[in-house]
Amino acid sequence: MVSDRPAADHWQNTIISFESSHQLRSLGVDQPDPPGSRELAVEHQEFKIRLANTEDRRESSSMLINKMYSWRGYSTALNNNDPPNKITLVANMDSYTVGTMTLCFDSEIGLPADEIYSDKLDELRQQGRKLCEPTKLAIDNSVRSKRVFASLIHISYIYAHTIHRHTDYVIEVNPRHVTFYKKMLGFKDLGEERVCPRVDAPAVLLRLELSYMQAQIEKFGGMMGSAVGERSFYPYFFTRADEEGITNRLSRRG
């Protein structure tokens, strides 16, 4: 069930809320839960997606990022030199932040990936492509719902493609996660493996044309378990009606 009733919600500025009863495998990373993880698995979970536009929300997003990245052995110095041309989304269950992602928009200051892949990104810019970069994506290991991941990506897509007319996602991922992003969202190779100094780890540059994402959302959005044989995340994206409601609300906020 999806709700778009922000006026009745005690959390201000909720973009959308939804319930999920799916208890599924971890999202693409096979590893044990970090020490001290909360057990949040319940029969029905209600999640709310909001902008991290307050100090508390930004802090909770940073704490989740640091927790998940440090557990994987990456550098936790992830909050320095953040570009101003970005938005951050958070997913909450009860009072806990269980998911977050930041979407960076291309501008005269560039994108985080320009640090090691400016040659590849400049090739796309010269073709007239309008780029944006999803970064700092983290889902708490105690959450087993595909809808949290899918909802964060779908709302970022609405900001990027529907509202601001960007044409492509570019994303730096650890080589171990390349197959996951290709199979689950349709990303393609763009840049060979290089070392990313921001997290002191190897990275591969991937690209996703947002027209492809649009077609997949239109085909599978909202189908969830009824999309027999479809193994991507697109059935867990919102329906067309839900997307239109989210777009209208975000557009009114400017």
C-alpha atoms as a PDB file:
ATOM      1  CA  MET A   1       0.000   0.000   0.000  1.00  0.00           C
ATOM      2  CA  VAL A   2       1.295   3.431  -0.966  1.00  0.00           C
ATOM      3  CA  SER A   3       0.206   6.642   0.732  1.00  0.00           C
ATOM      4  CA  ASP A   4       0.764  10.241  -0.324  1.00  0.00           C
ATOM      5  CA  ARG A   5      -0.838  12.014   2.657  1.00  0.00           C
ATOM      6  CA  PRO A   6       1.897  14.329   3.957  1.00  0.00           C
ATOM      7  CA  ALA A   7      -0.562  16.621   5.785  1.00  0.00           C
ATOM      8  CA  ALA A   8      -1.710  13.776   8.034  1.00  0.00           C
ATOM      9  CA  ASP A   9       1.792  12.541   8.700  1.00  0.00           C
ATOM     10  CA  HIS A  10       3.580  13.469  11.910  1.00  0.00           C
ATOM     11  CA  TRP A  11       6.854  13.547   9.995  1.00  0.00           C
ATOM     12  CA  GLN A  12       6.945  16.705   7.927  1.00  0.00           C
ATOM     13  CA  ASN A  13       7.918  16.698   4.254  1.00  0.00           C
ATOM     14  CA  THR A  14       7.364  12.996   3.661  1.00  0.00           C
ATOM     15  CA  ILE A  15       7.630  12.382  -0.082  1.00  0.00           C
ATOM     16  CA  ILE A  16       5.809   9.061   0.067  1.00  0.00           C
ATOM     17  CA  SER A  17       5.138   6.216   2.494  1.00  0.00           C
ATOM     18  CA  PHE A  18       4.499   2.547   1.802  1.00  0.00           C
ATOM     19  CA  GLU A  19       4.125  -0.775   3.559  1.00  0.00           C
ATOM     20  CA  SER A  20       6.113  -3.888   2.810  1.00  0.00           C
ATOM     21  CA  SER A  21       5.817  -7.400   4.180  1.00  0.00           C
ATOM     22  CA  HIS A  22       8.557  -8.865   2.003  1.00  0.00           C
ATOM     23  CA  GLN A  23      11.451 -10.417   3.906  1.00  0.00           C
ATOM     24  CA  LEU A  24      14.045 -10.946   1.180  1.00  0.00           C
ATOM     25  CA  ARG A  25      17.763 -11.420   0.812  1.00  0.00           C
ATOM     26  CA  SER A  26      20.253  -8.633   1.406  1.00  0.00           C
ATOM     27  CA  LEU A  27      20.598  -6.164  -1.443  1.00  0.00           C
ATOM     28  CA  GLY A  28      23.552  -7.422  -3.418  1.00  0.00           C
ATOM     29  CA  VAL A  29      26.211  -7.714  -0.721  1.00  0.00           C
ATOM     30  CA  ASP A  30      26.812 -11.111   0.814  1.00  0.00           C
ATOM     31  CA  GLN A  31      28.163 -10.409   4.274  1.00  0.00           C
ATOM     32  CA  PRO A  32      27.113 -10.910   7.907  1.00  0.00           C
ATOM     33  CA  ASP A  33      25.206  -8.193   9.712  1.00  0.00           C
ATOM     34  CA  PRO A  34      27.444  -5.659  11.468  1.00  0.00           C
ATOM     35  CA  PRO A  35      27.788  -6.086  15.223  1.00  0.00           C
ATOM     36  CA  GLY A  36      24.948  -4.389  17.054  1.00  0.00           C
ATOM     37  CA  SER A  37      22.516  -4.369  14.113  1.00  0.00           C
ATOM     38  CA  ARG A  38      18.899  -3.918  15.110  1.00  0.00           C
ATOM     39  CA  GLU A  39      16.455  -6.645  14.194  1.00  0.00           C
ATOM     40  CA  LEU A  40      13.753  -4.756  12.306  1.00  0.00           C
ATOM     41  CA  ALA A  41      12.131  -7.680  10.511  1.00  0.00           C
ATOM     42  CA  VAL A  42       8.394  -7.656  11.212  1.00  0.00           C
ATOM     43  CA  GLU A  43       5.369  -8.945   9.354  1.00  0.00           C
ATOM     44  CA  HIS A  44       4.480  -5.500   7.991  1.00  0.00           C
ATOM     45  CA  GLN A  45       6.953  -2.644   7.726  1.00  0.00           C
ATOM     46  CA  GLU A  46       6.006   0.961   7.006  1.00  0.00           C
ATOM     47  CA  PHE A  47       8.676   3.068   5.351  1.00  0.00           C
ATOM     48  CA  LYS A  48       8.764   6.801   4.663  1.00  0.00           C
ATOM     49  CA  ILE A  49      10.999   8.498   2.093  1.00  0.00           C
ATOM     50  CA  ARG A  50      12.004  12.093   2.844  1.00  0.00           C
ATOM     51  CA  LEU A  51      14.545  14.700   1.827  1.00  0.00           C
ATOM     52  CA  ALA A  52      17.464  15.057   4.223  1.00  0.00           C
ATOM     53  CA  ASN A  53      16.810  18.789   4.497  1.00  0.00           C
ATOM     54  CA  THR A  54      17.276  19.161   8.251  1.00  0.00           C
ATOM     55  CA  GLU A  55      20.378  18.782  10.391  1.00  0.00           C
ATOM     56  CA  ASP A  56      18.961  15.704  12.148  1.00  0.00           C
ATOM     57  CA  ARG A  57      18.219  13.961   8.868  1.00  0.00           C
ATOM     58  CA  ARG A  58      21.619  14.797   7.410  1.00  0.00           C
ATOM     59  CA  GLU A  59      23.295  13.489  10.560  1.00  0.00           C
ATOM     60  CA  SER A  60      21.306  10.234  10.535  1.00  0.00           C
ATOM     61  CA  SER A  61      22.151   9.755   6.865  1.00  0.00           C
ATOM     62  CA  SER A  62      25.863  10.278   7.564  1.00  0.00           C
ATOM     63  CA  MET A  63      25.777   7.850  10.488  1.00  0.00           C
ATOM     64  CA  LEU A  64      24.260   5.106   8.323  1.00  0.00           C
ATOM     65  CA  ILE A  65      26.792   5.766   5.542  1.00  0.00           C
ATOM     66  CA  ASN A  66      29.704   5.594   7.974  1.00  0.00           C
ATOM     67  CA  LYS A  67      28.348   2.437   9.593  1.00  0.00           C
ATOM     68  CA  MET A  68      27.826   0.530   6.350  1.00  0.00           C
ATOM     69  CA  TYR A  69      30.963   1.710   4.531  1.00  0.00           C
ATOM     70  CA  SER A  70      33.343   1.221   7.450  1.00  0.00           C
ATOM     71  CA  TRP A  71      32.014  -2.300   7.995  1.00  0.00           C
ATOM     72  CA  ARG A  72      32.888  -3.082   4.368  1.00  0.00           C
ATOM     73  CA  GLY A  73      36.412  -1.818   4.910  1.00  0.00           C
ATOM     74  CA  TYR A  74      36.060   1.473   3.022  1.00  0.00           C
ATOM     75  CA  SER A  75      37.308   4.815   4.237  1.00  0.00           C
ATOM     76  CA  THR A  76      34.658   6.583   6.306  1.00  0.00           C
ATOM     77  CA  ALA A  77      35.824  10.069   5.350  1.00  0.00           C
ATOM     78  CA  LEU A  78      32.794  10.360   3.092  1.00  0.00           C
ATOM     79  CA  ASN A  79      31.363  13.710   4.103  1.00  0.00           C
ATOM     80  CA  ASN A  80      34.235  15.993   3.171  1.00  0.00           C
ATOM     81  CA  ASN A  81      34.077  18.160   0.047  1.00  0.00           C
ATOM     82  CA  ASP A  82      30.450  17.316  -0.698  1.00  0.00           C
ATOM     83  CA  PRO A  83      29.289  19.169  -3.817  1.00  0.00           C
ATOM     84  CA  PRO A  84      26.490  21.694  -3.294  1.00  0.00           C
ATOM     85  CA  ASN A  85      24.648  20.524  -6.409  1.00  0.00           C
ATOM     86  CA  LYS A  86      22.965  17.545  -4.745  1.00  0.00           C
ATOM     87  CA  ILE A  87      19.971  16.190  -2.881  1.00  0.00           C
ATOM     88  CA  THR A  88      19.973  13.460  -0.240  1.00  0.00           C
ATOM     89  CA  LEU A  89      17.064  11.090   0.343  1.00  0.00           C
ATOM     90  CA  VAL A  90      16.493   9.058   3.504  1.00  0.00           C
ATOM     91  CA  ALA A  91      14.231   6.086   4.158  1.00  0.00           C
ATOM     92  CA  ASN A  92      12.862   5.795   7.681  1.00  0.00           C
ATOM     93  CA  MET A  93      11.151   3.008   9.551  1.00  0.00           C
ATOM     94  CA  ASP A  94       9.712   4.257  12.831  1.00  0.00           C
ATOM     95  CA  SER A  95      12.404   6.607  14.159  1.00  0.00           C
ATOM     96  CA  TYR A  96      15.293   4.804  12.433  1.00  0.00           C
ATOM     97  CA  THR A  97      17.054   5.777   9.202  1.00  0.00           C
ATOM     98  CA  VAL A  98      17.367   2.498   7.302  1.00  0.00           C
ATOM     99  CA  GLY A  99      18.330   3.738   3.841  1.00  0.00           C
ATOM    100  CA  THR A 100      19.931   6.738   2.186  1.00  0.00           C
ATOM    101  CA  MET A 101      21.306   7.914  -1.136  1.00  0.00           C
ATOM    102  CA  THR A 102      22.635  11.182  -2.519  1.00  0.00           C
ATOM    103  CA  LEU A 103      22.061  12.358  -6.088  1.00  0.00           C
ATOM    104  CA  CYS A 104      24.619  14.794  -7.513  1.00  0.00           C
ATOM    105  CA  PHE A 105      23.705  16.944 -10.528  1.00  0.00           C
ATOM    106  CA  ASP A 106      26.310  17.910 -13.101  1.00  0.00           C
ATOM    107  CA  SER A 107      27.335  21.577 -13.141  1.00  0.00           C
ATOM    108  CA  GLU A 108      30.391  23.743 -13.680  1.00  0.00           C
ATOM    109  CA  ILE A 109      32.019  22.080 -10.646  1.00  0.00           C
ATOM    110  CA  GLY A 110      31.486  18.603 -12.097  1.00  0.00           C
ATOM    111  CA  LEU A 111      30.595  15.332 -10.395  1.00  0.00           C
ATOM    112  CA  PRO A 112      32.413  13.236  -7.759  1.00  0.00           C
ATOM    113  CA  ALA A 113      33.340  10.720 -10.485  1.00  0.00           C
ATOM    114  CA  ASP A 114      35.285  13.447 -12.315  1.00  0.00           C
ATOM    115  CA  GLU A 115      38.080  12.926  -9.795  1.00  0.00           C
ATOM    116  CA  ILE A 116      39.205   9.771 -11.618  1.00  0.00           C
ATOM    117  CA  TYR A 117      36.914   9.512 -14.665  1.00  0.00           C
ATOM    118  CA  SER A 118      36.768  13.045 -16.090  1.00  0.00           C
ATOM    119  CA  ASP A 119      37.881  11.751 -19.486  1.00  0.00           C
ATOM    120  CA  LYS A 120      34.926   9.361 -19.721  1.00  0.00           C
ATOM    121  CA  LEU A 121      32.400  11.906 -18.446  1.00  0.00           C
ATOM    122  CA  ASP A 122      33.672  14.620 -20.793  1.00  0.00           C
ATOM    123  CA  GLU A 123      33.062  12.297 -23.743  1.00  0.00           C
ATOM    124  CA  LEU A 124      29.391  12.076 -22.759  1.00  0.00           C
ATOM    125  CA  ARG A 125      29.134  15.819 -22.159  1.00  0.00           C
ATOM    126  CA  GLN A 126      30.530  16.471 -25.628  1.00  0.00           C
ATOM    127  CA  GLN A 127      27.699  14.313 -26.979  1.00  0.00           C
ATOM    128  CA  GLY A 128      25.189  16.609 -25.281  1.00  0.00           C
ATOM    129  CA  ARG A 129      24.328  14.171 -22.498  1.00  0.00           C
ATOM    130  CA  LYS A 130      23.150  15.663 -19.196  1.00  0.00           C
ATOM    131  CA  LEU A 131      24.676  13.661 -16.346  1.00  0.00           C
ATOM    132  CA  CYS A 132      23.920  12.993 -12.693  1.00  0.00           C
ATOM    133  CA  GLU A 133      25.573  10.639 -10.229  1.00  0.00           C
ATOM    134  CA  PRO A 134      23.925   8.551  -7.489  1.00  0.00           C
ATOM    135  CA  THR A 135      26.369   8.283  -4.587  1.00  0.00           C
ATOM    136  CA  LYS A 136      26.514   7.159  -0.952  1.00  0.00           C
ATOM    137  CA  LEU A 137      23.825   4.529  -1.357  1.00  0.00           C
ATOM    138  CA  ALA A 138      23.406   2.506   1.824  1.00  0.00           C
ATOM    139  CA  ILE A 139      20.685   0.173   3.107  1.00  0.00           C
ATOM    140  CA  ASP A 140      20.803  -1.090   6.682  1.00  0.00           C
ATOM    141  CA  ASN A 141      21.501  -4.838   6.714  1.00  0.00           C
ATOM    142  CA  SER A 142      18.567  -5.399   9.047  1.00  0.00           C
ATOM    143  CA  VAL A 143      16.119  -4.362   6.272  1.00  0.00           C
ATOM    144  CA  ARG A 144      15.134  -7.069   3.793  1.00  0.00           C
ATOM    145  CA  SER A 145      12.748  -5.147   1.568  1.00  0.00           C
ATOM    146  CA  LYS A 146      13.553  -4.582  -2.096  1.00  0.00           C
ATOM    147  CA  ARG A 147      11.091  -1.707  -2.044  1.00  0.00           C
ATOM    148  CA  VAL A 148      13.385   0.489   0.058  1.00  0.00           C
ATOM    149  CA  PHE A 149      16.176   0.274  -2.523  1.00  0.00           C
ATOM    150  CA  ALA A 150      13.748   0.591  -5.447  1.00  0.00           C
ATOM    151  CA  SER A 151      11.932   3.573  -3.898  1.00  0.00           C
ATOM    152  CA  LEU A 152      15.116   5.562  -3.310  1.00  0.00           C
ATOM    153  CA  ILE A 153      16.244   4.933  -6.883  1.00  0.00           C
ATOM    154  CA  HIS A 154      12.805   5.720  -8.344  1.00  0.00           C
ATOM    155  CA  ILE A 155      12.481   9.040  -6.504  1.00  0.00           C
ATOM    156  CA  SER A 156      16.014  10.006  -7.543  1.00  0.00           C
ATOM    157  CA  TYR A 157      15.006   9.171 -11.141  1.00  0.00           C
ATOM    158  CA  ILE A 158      11.996  11.504 -10.852  1.00  0.00           C
ATOM    159  CA  TYR A 159      14.258  14.325  -9.682  1.00  0.00           C
ATOM    160  CA  ALA A 160      16.881  13.615 -12.338  1.00  0.00           C
ATOM    161  CA  HIS A 161      14.901  12.734 -15.456  1.00  0.00           C
ATOM    162  CA  THR A 162      11.303  13.828 -15.053  1.00  0.00           C
ATOM    163  CA  ILE A 163      11.872  17.171 -13.318  1.00  0.00           C
ATOM    164  CA  HIS A 164      15.398  18.226 -14.356  1.00  0.00           C
ATOM    165  CA  ARG A 165      15.642  16.403 -17.731  1.00  0.00           C
ATOM    166  CA  HIS A 166      18.953  14.674 -17.098  1.00  0.00           C
ATOM    167  CA  THR A 167      19.705  11.880 -19.545  1.00  0.00           C
ATOM    168  CA  ASP A 168      22.152   9.544 -17.791  1.00  0.00           C
ATOM    169  CA  TYR A 169      23.181   8.126 -14.454  1.00  0.00           C
ATOM    170  CA  VAL A 170      26.891   7.519 -13.995  1.00  0.00           C
ATOM    171  CA  ILE A 171      27.990   5.616 -10.936  1.00  0.00           C
ATOM    172  CA  GLU A 172      31.253   4.397  -9.398  1.00  0.00           C
ATOM    173  CA  VAL A 173      30.937   0.939  -7.854  1.00  0.00           C
ATOM    174  CA  ASN A 174      33.266  -1.617  -6.356  1.00  0.00           C
ATOM    175  CA  PRO A 175      34.141  -4.256  -8.995  1.00  0.00           C
ATOM    176  CA  ARG A 176      32.429  -6.908  -6.834  1.00  0.00           C
ATOM    177  CA  HIS A 177      29.093  -5.091  -7.273  1.00  0.00           C
ATOM    178  CA  VAL A 178      29.193  -4.552 -11.043  1.00  0.00           C
ATOM    179  CA  THR A 179      27.098  -7.622 -11.842  1.00  0.00           C
ATOM    180  CA  PHE A 180      24.479  -6.577  -9.294  1.00  0.00           C
ATOM    181  CA  TYR A 181      23.930  -3.127 -10.839  1.00  0.00           C
ATOM    182  CA  LYS A 182      23.902  -4.523 -14.356  1.00  0.00           C
ATOM    183  CA  LYS A 183      21.346  -7.245 -13.623  1.00  0.00           C
ATOM    184  CA  MET A 184      19.135  -5.317 -11.231  1.00  0.00           C
ATOM    185  CA  LEU A 185      18.994  -1.916 -12.968  1.00  0.00           C
ATOM    186  CA  GLY A 186      20.545  -2.326 -16.428  1.00  0.00           C
ATOM    187  CA  PHE A 187      23.777  -0.354 -16.024  1.00  0.00           C
ATOM    188  CA  LYS A 188      26.468  -0.714 -18.718  1.00  0.00           C
ATOM    189  CA  ASP A 189      30.263  -0.456 -18.582  1.00  0.00           C
ATOM    190  CA  LEU A 190      31.724   3.019 -19.105  1.00  0.00           C
ATOM    191  CA  GLY A 191      35.146   3.134 -17.449  1.00  0.00           C
ATOM    192  CA  GLU A 192      37.719   0.504 -16.554  1.00  0.00           C
ATOM    193  CA  GLU A 193      38.805  -0.261 -12.992  1.00  0.00           C
ATOM    194  CA  ARG A 194      40.682   2.540 -11.255  1.00  0.00           C
ATOM    195  CA  VAL A 195      41.450   3.395  -7.624  1.00  0.00           C
ATOM    196  CA  CYS A 196      39.003   5.816  -5.992  1.00  0.00           C
ATOM    197  CA  PRO A 197      40.898   7.906  -3.397  1.00  0.00           C
ATOM    198  CA  ARG A 198      37.681   9.038  -1.670  1.00  0.00           C
ATOM    199  CA  VAL A 199      37.063   5.539  -0.297  1.00  0.00           C
ATOM    200  CA  ASP A 200      40.555   4.101  -0.848  1.00  0.00           C
ATOM    201  CA  ALA A 201      39.169   1.213  -2.896  1.00  0.00           C
ATOM    202  CA  PRO A 202      38.961   0.085  -6.541  1.00  0.00           C
ATOM    203  CA  ALA A 203      36.081   1.407  -8.612  1.00  0.00           C
ATOM    204  CA  VAL A 204      34.455   0.752 -11.979  1.00  0.00           C
ATOM    205  CA  LEU A 205      32.441   3.418 -13.800  1.00  0.00           C
ATOM    206  CA  LEU A 206      28.980   2.385 -15.028  1.00  0.00           C
ATOM    207  CA  ARG A 207      26.354   4.252 -17.055  1.00  0.00           C
ATOM    208  CA  LEU A 208      22.582   3.959 -17.298  1.00  0.00           C
ATOM    209  CA  GLU A 209      20.567   5.849 -19.901  1.00  0.00           C
ATOM    210  CA  LEU A 210      17.505   7.166 -18.095  1.00  0.00           C
ATOM    211  CA  SER A 211      15.319   6.563 -21.144  1.00  0.00           C
ATOM    212  CA  TYR A 212      15.977   2.848 -20.531  1.00  0.00           C
ATOM    213  CA  MET A 213      14.972   3.220 -16.885  1.00  0.00           C
ATOM    214  CA  GLN A 214      11.803   5.017 -17.974  1.00  0.00           C
ATOM    215  CA  ALA A 215      10.862   2.150 -20.293  1.00  0.00           C
ATOM    216  CA  GLN A 216      11.454  -0.453 -17.571  1.00  0.00           C
ATOM    217  CA  ILE A 217       9.383   1.497 -15.031  1.00  0.00           C
ATOM    218  CA  GLU A 218       6.518   1.792 -17.512  1.00  0.00           C
ATOM    219  CA  LYS A 219       6.702  -1.935 -18.220  1.00  0.00           C
ATOM    220  CA  PHE A 220       7.167  -3.361 -14.724  1.00  0.00           C
ATOM    221  CA  GLY A 221       6.494  -0.639 -12.124  1.00  0.00           C
ATOM    222  CA  GLY A 222       4.208  -1.795  -9.304  1.00  0.00           C
ATOM    223  CA  MET A 223       4.025  -5.438 -10.401  1.00  0.00           C
ATOM    224  CA  MET A 224       6.205  -6.718  -7.528  1.00  0.00           C
ATOM    225  CA  GLY A 225       5.853 -10.500  -7.136  1.00  0.00           C
ATOM    226  CA  SER A 226       3.464 -10.826 -10.081  1.00  0.00           C
ATOM    227  CA  ALA A 227       6.259 -10.082 -12.598  1.00  0.00           C
ATOM    228  CA  VAL A 228       7.051 -13.766 -13.122  1.00  0.00           C
ATOM    229  CA  GLY A 229      10.553 -14.347 -14.436  1.00  0.00           C
ATOM    230  CA  GLU A 230      11.658 -10.711 -14.076  1.00  0.00           C
ATOM    231  CA  ARG A 231      14.637 -10.582 -11.729  1.00  0.00           C
ATOM    232  CA  SER A 232      15.421  -6.870 -11.821  1.00  0.00           C
ATOM    233  CA  PHE A 233      14.305  -4.304  -9.245  1.00  0.00           C
ATOM    234  CA  TYR A 234      11.879  -2.625 -11.635  1.00  0.00           C
ATOM    235  CA  PRO A 235       8.752  -4.498 -10.475  1.00  0.00           C
ATOM    236  CA  TYR A 236       9.385  -2.924  -7.029  1.00  0.00           C
ATOM    237  CA  PHE A 237       9.331   0.606  -8.426  1.00  0.00           C
ATOM    238  CA  PHE A 238       6.165   2.677  -8.060  1.00  0.00           C
ATOM    239  CA  THR A 239       3.190   2.486 -10.410  1.00  0.00           C
ATOM    240  CA  ARG A 240       2.599   5.177 -13.014  1.00  0.00           C
ATOM    241  CA  ALA A 241      -0.136   6.739 -10.835  1.00  0.00           C
ATOM    242  CA  ASP A 242       2.164   6.840  -7.791  1.00  0.00           C
ATOM    243  CA  GLU A 243       4.963   8.325  -9.900  1.00  0.00           C
ATOM    244  CA  GLU A 244       2.682  11.087 -11.161  1.00  0.00           C
ATOM    245  CA  GLY A 245       1.653  11.942  -7.593  1.00  0.00           C
ATOM    246  CA  ILE A 246       5.269  12.052  -6.395  1.00  0.00           C
ATOM    247  CA  THR A 247       6.285  14.177  -9.399  1.00  0.00           C
ATOM    248  CA  ASN A 248       3.514  16.695  -8.766  1.00  0.00           C
ATOM    249  CA  ARG A 249       4.433  17.015  -5.090  1.00  0.00           C
ATOM    250  CA  LEU A 250       8.154  17.424  -5.770  1.00  0.00           C
ATOM    251  CA  SER A 251       7.502  19.932  -8.549  1.00  0.00           C
ATOM    252  CA  ARG A 252       5.434  22.093  -6.185  1.00  0.00           C
ATOM    253  CA  ARG A 253       8.348  22.198  -3.767  1.00  0.00           C
ATOM    254  CA  GLY A 254      10.577  23.594  -6.509  1.00  0.00           C
END
